[in-house]
């Protein structure tokens, strides 16, 4: 097979409720600069050695897993659980259900349970203090404040317990099949709160994709100034991210540490259009966590490269819609489609769009409807989500008749 023969998206039409790709709209660039007459030998993956018990590194745009050890193992996340709390709050803000400037009053019970005397991280909230959701988010993310997490939970749902139910419902909705939450802040709870590295990567992926502006607003603040010390001076605390400012492009997410969990980190960085997300967990010290995170992120950028195949906004294909106002919906790339390969890679690739077909109307623009699966020679498949490029409303009788006519004639 020549390189030219492998440029287009490969199409496989299937029946109802099966995996299918419906129609090609864009063509892919050549598989490689050279003339590839056959599939290359398996790619030589860059070597990475670590003593960390749980490690995972993902290239966000291509979906490529660059390194994985213990990714499905369930463990206590400590304060990394706060990323779920942050995701829920940002989701409510995005939906217009929670004003960013809403004022929450810190209850006596919340202050008593989570003030700094319990040994946990805090933004030094006071009993009766009135504070905005915006400021609580800054405290939650920047200094991993347990009191901020509890104040948000109570302010949104009336109690930490009710908010935890929301967390678990969201985990299920996102497909975090190995995760369960018992607190809004990850405080040790007798083993109730458990996650996996794969689930944390999924959560971070969704947060960054769905809330890019708020991610930039909250997750890379270098410090937090809130409250005053007994001598009246402002309390200023640095961001707990151990490699923020140490590794180029680092801009989030959260550390975690308890005696049960060890030293953990869910982190992300962006360079040259590529974004990597990583988890390191179970480290013995703060220094070991920092060094491992720095080394892993550097390896991911230096030993791998991303190659852009399709521009953001490109229309990839059409997918059948059942009983809709229109018979098909366009799938588009919300971000540039890239494949991630070892630096200097000279092989080719194949690509296919996969979706359940027909989709059920109504479909809102921006809804995930398919995956573009790119498979570099000798490497595992890499998946980039595709979104609906247009709305398709539910069809009435005329819509169903028109769809049926289209199915028969193609017109």
Foldseek 3Di string as FASTA:
>chain_A
DWQVVFFAADFDDDDAQFKGFFFFDDTWDGFFPDIDPDFDDAADQDDDDDPFQFKWKAWLQFQATNDTHQQLPKFQQFQLLLLLLLLVVVVCVVVVNFPQFDKFFQAPVLCVVFACVVVDWALHDDHRDIDGNNLLLQSCWFGVHPSSQQRSCCRVQVGQQRSQVVSQVVLVVLPQVRFHDDGNGRDDDPPRGIGGNNSSVSSVSCSCVVPVPVLQVHAADQWDWDDADPVGHIDIGGGPPLCRVPAAFWGDDDWRDDPRWATKDWTWGDDPQIIMTMIGTDDHDPVRRSVVVRVVVVCQPPFKDKDFTAAAFDFGHWAAEAQWLDGIFTWTANHTRIDMDTPPDRGGKHKHKIFRPPHYDFFAWFQFTIWIWIGTRNGDITTHTITTHHTIHRHDPVSNVVNVVCVVPVD
